[in-house]
């Protein structure tokens, strides 16, 4: 079974596994949530492209607008203006630089609408809705734990978006390997 294979490969015990969904559907990737007592972490691992459903998620590659309040928190600039999600993403990934270049261009274009890879954004929203209660409960039971989200390929894109959504809600670190481009910088 998927669980026994996972346990053999990782050396974890079944009691460490908090939640898992091995099957997939379009915009619903496989994932596992595991307690790591040695590192005091709750690890959410998102599987990359594995099934035909995952390929369909990959192929939904048009841009989709972000809901600016999707991460349940809002950042403000120095003047108290709420920042769009694209600016919040920029500030999170590039903290030493300014997101001002995401404002209207010098030719008077209006501000870019925050967007991301449609399939991966839908998968991240699905994963947020599916796992949020479990993650909240586990982090409440283990207040000295932090949340680690990781993924490869499609799972990396989903993990990056999910980490962005949860960055104000949980102490979170995100590790991705070979992710696709999930959002334009402009």
Protein backbone atom coordinates (compact mmCIF):
# COMPACT_ATOMS: atom_id res chain seq x y z
CA UNK A 1 0.00 0.00 0.00
CA UNK A 2 1.01 3.67 -0.35
CA UNK A 3 1.21 4.10 3.43
CA UNK A 4 3.47 1.08 3.99
CA UNK A 5 5.72 2.20 1.12
CA UNK A 6 5.89 5.71 2.60
CA UNK A 7 6.74 4.36 6.07
CA UNK A 8 9.48 2.06 4.70
CA UNK A 9 11.06 4.85 2.63
CA UNK A 10 10.98 7.53 5.35
CA UNK A 11 11.56 5.45 8.48
CA UNK A 12 8.56 7.10 10.14
CA UNK A 13 6.12 5.15 12.27
CA UNK A 14 2.42 4.98 11.49
CA UNK A 15 1.69 7.03 14.63
CA UNK A 16 3.61 9.96 13.05
CA UNK A 17 1.22 10.13 10.09
CA UNK A 18 -1.50 12.66 10.84
CA UNK A 19 -3.37 12.68 7.53
CA UNK A 20 -2.82 11.47 3.99
CA UNK A 21 -4.56 11.39 0.64
CA UNK A 22 -2.77 9.11 -1.77
CA UNK A 23 -5.33 9.21 -4.57
CA UNK A 24 -5.68 12.23 -6.78
CA UNK A 25 -8.22 14.07 -8.83
CA UNK A 26 -7.81 17.14 -11.01
CA UNK A 27 -6.75 20.04 -8.74
CA UNK A 28 -6.51 17.60 -5.80
CA UNK A 29 -2.92 16.35 -5.46
CA UNK A 30 -1.75 13.54 -3.23
CA UNK A 31 -0.30 14.68 0.10
CA UNK A 32 0.78 13.44 3.50
CA UNK A 33 1.02 15.27 6.83
CA UNK A 34 3.56 13.85 9.26
CA UNK A 35 4.78 14.81 12.72
CA UNK A 36 8.57 15.04 12.97
CA UNK A 37 9.28 15.07 16.73
CA UNK A 38 13.06 15.28 16.27
CA UNK A 39 12.78 18.55 14.34
CA UNK A 40 9.62 19.74 16.12
CA UNK A 41 7.87 20.13 12.78
CA UNK A 42 4.59 19.25 11.19
CA UNK A 43 5.48 18.37 7.61
CA UNK A 44 2.98 18.65 4.77
CA UNK A 45 4.42 17.04 1.67
CA UNK A 46 2.65 17.58 -1.65
CA UNK A 47 3.26 14.96 -4.33
CA UNK A 48 4.26 16.08 -7.80
CA UNK A 49 2.77 14.98 -11.08
CA UNK A 50 2.01 11.25 -10.86
CA UNK A 51 -1.37 10.51 -12.42
CA UNK A 52 -3.41 11.58 -15.44
CA UNK A 53 -5.42 13.81 -13.09
CA UNK A 54 -2.18 15.55 -12.09
CA UNK A 55 -1.31 16.06 -15.75
CA UNK A 56 -4.70 17.76 -16.22
CA UNK A 57 -3.86 20.04 -13.27
CA UNK A 58 -0.53 20.84 -14.96
CA UNK A 59 -2.27 21.59 -18.25
CA UNK A 60 -4.62 24.14 -16.64
CA UNK A 61 -1.84 26.66 -17.14
CA UNK A 62 -3.75 29.83 -17.84
CA UNK A 63 -3.40 32.68 -15.38
CA UNK A 64 -6.00 32.92 -12.65
CA UNK A 65 -6.49 36.01 -10.52
CA UNK A 66 -5.62 35.66 -6.86
CA UNK A 67 -8.14 36.54 -4.21
CA UNK A 68 -6.22 39.23 -2.37
CA UNK A 69 -7.48 37.99 0.99
CA UNK A 70 -6.72 34.33 0.36
CA UNK A 71 -3.99 34.14 2.97
CA UNK A 72 -6.33 35.45 5.70
CA UNK A 73 -4.02 38.38 6.35
CA UNK A 74 -3.27 41.67 4.71
CA UNK A 75 0.01 43.54 4.49
CA UNK A 76 0.09 47.30 4.37
CA UNK A 77 2.68 49.60 2.89
CA UNK A 78 4.22 52.51 4.82
CA UNK A 79 1.20 54.67 4.01
CA UNK A 80 -1.31 52.14 5.37
CA UNK A 81 -2.52 51.03 1.92
CA UNK A 82 -3.36 47.33 1.66
CA UNK A 83 -0.94 45.62 -0.72
CA UNK A 84 -2.13 43.37 -3.52
CA UNK A 85 -1.12 39.73 -3.26
CA UNK A 86 1.43 40.14 -6.06
CA UNK A 87 3.16 42.82 -3.98
CA UNK A 88 2.97 40.66 -0.86
CA UNK A 89 4.51 37.76 -2.80
CA UNK A 90 7.25 40.07 -4.08
CA UNK A 91 8.01 41.37 -0.58
CA UNK A 92 8.08 37.84 0.83
CA UNK A 93 10.38 36.36 -1.83
CA UNK A 94 12.53 39.51 -2.28
CA UNK A 95 12.51 41.29 1.11
CA UNK A 96 15.53 43.52 0.34
CA UNK A 97 13.92 45.05 -2.73
CA UNK A 98 10.89 47.20 -3.32
CA UNK A 99 7.62 45.99 -4.76
CA UNK A 100 7.08 49.47 -6.21
CA UNK A 101 8.06 48.20 -9.65
CA UNK A 102 4.82 46.21 -9.60
CA UNK A 103 2.86 49.47 -9.65
CA UNK A 104 1.74 51.07 -12.86
CA UNK A 105 4.46 51.20 -15.45
CA UNK A 106 6.16 54.35 -16.65
CA UNK A 107 3.91 54.34 -19.69
CA UNK A 108 0.83 54.78 -17.51
CA UNK A 109 -0.41 51.18 -17.65
CA UNK A 110 -2.72 50.30 -14.82
CA UNK A 111 -1.52 48.01 -12.02
CA UNK A 112 -1.08 44.37 -12.92
CA UNK A 113 -3.69 41.99 -11.55
CA UNK A 114 -2.13 39.34 -9.27
CA UNK A 115 -2.34 35.95 -10.95
CA UNK A 116 -0.94 32.43 -10.78
CA UNK A 117 -0.99 29.11 -12.63
CA UNK A 118 -4.70 28.21 -12.62
CA UNK A 119 -4.31 24.47 -11.93
CA UNK A 120 -1.82 24.86 -9.12
CA UNK A 121 -3.71 27.72 -7.50
CA UNK A 122 -6.90 25.62 -7.51
CA UNK A 123 -4.93 22.70 -6.07
CA UNK A 124 -3.48 24.95 -3.33
CA UNK A 125 -6.98 26.22 -2.46
CA UNK A 126 -8.27 22.64 -2.33
CA UNK A 127 -5.36 21.60 -0.10
CA UNK A 128 -5.92 24.61 2.18
CA UNK A 129 -9.60 23.72 2.59
CA UNK A 130 -8.85 20.02 3.03
CA UNK A 131 -6.01 20.27 5.55
CA UNK A 132 -6.41 23.56 7.43
CA UNK A 133 -8.37 22.11 10.38
CA UNK A 134 -5.91 19.22 10.77
CA UNK A 135 -2.92 21.60 10.64
CA UNK A 136 -4.53 24.00 13.13
CA UNK A 137 -5.36 21.17 15.55
CA UNK A 138 -1.88 19.64 15.33
CA UNK A 139 -0.11 22.97 15.85
CA UNK A 140 -2.37 23.71 18.83
CA UNK A 141 -1.54 20.31 20.37
CA UNK A 142 2.17 20.92 19.66
CA UNK A 143 2.75 24.66 20.16
CA UNK A 144 6.53 24.26 19.87
CA UNK A 145 6.17 22.83 16.34
CA UNK A 146 6.42 24.78 13.12
CA UNK A 147 4.84 23.93 9.79
CA UNK A 148 7.03 22.76 6.92
CA UNK A 149 5.48 22.46 3.45
CA UNK A 150 7.44 20.75 0.72
CA UNK A 151 6.88 19.47 -2.77
CA UNK A 152 8.46 18.62 -6.08
CA UNK A 153 7.40 19.69 -9.57
CA UNK A 154 3.64 20.33 -9.52
CA UNK A 155 3.72 19.63 -5.77
CA UNK A 156 6.38 22.32 -5.43
CA UNK A 157 4.22 24.88 -7.19
CA UNK A 158 1.24 23.97 -5.01
CA UNK A 159 3.44 24.04 -1.86
CA UNK A 160 4.77 27.51 -2.73
CA UNK A 161 1.27 28.91 -3.21
CA UNK A 162 -0.06 27.19 -0.08
CA UNK A 163 2.84 28.52 1.97
CA UNK A 164 2.08 32.00 0.69
CA UNK A 165 -1.55 31.61 1.70
CA UNK A 166 -0.65 30.42 5.22
CA UNK A 167 2.37 32.57 5.96
CA UNK A 168 0.45 34.92 8.27
CA UNK A 169 -1.50 32.16 9.99
CA UNK A 170 1.20 29.63 10.87
CA UNK A 171 4.95 29.61 11.45
CA UNK A 172 5.77 28.12 8.05
CA UNK A 173 8.81 27.21 5.97
CA UNK A 174 8.47 26.08 2.36
CA UNK A 175 10.93 23.87 0.49
CA UNK A 176 10.30 23.15 -3.18
CA UNK A 177 12.27 21.21 -5.75
CA UNK A 178 11.92 21.77 -9.47
CA UNK A 179 8.76 23.88 -9.27
CA UNK A 180 7.26 25.39 -12.40
CA UNK A 181 6.75 29.10 -12.75
CA UNK A 182 3.57 29.69 -10.75
CA UNK A 183 3.16 33.47 -10.90
CA UNK A 184 4.48 36.28 -13.08
CA UNK A 185 6.63 38.93 -11.42
CA UNK A 186 4.88 41.62 -13.44
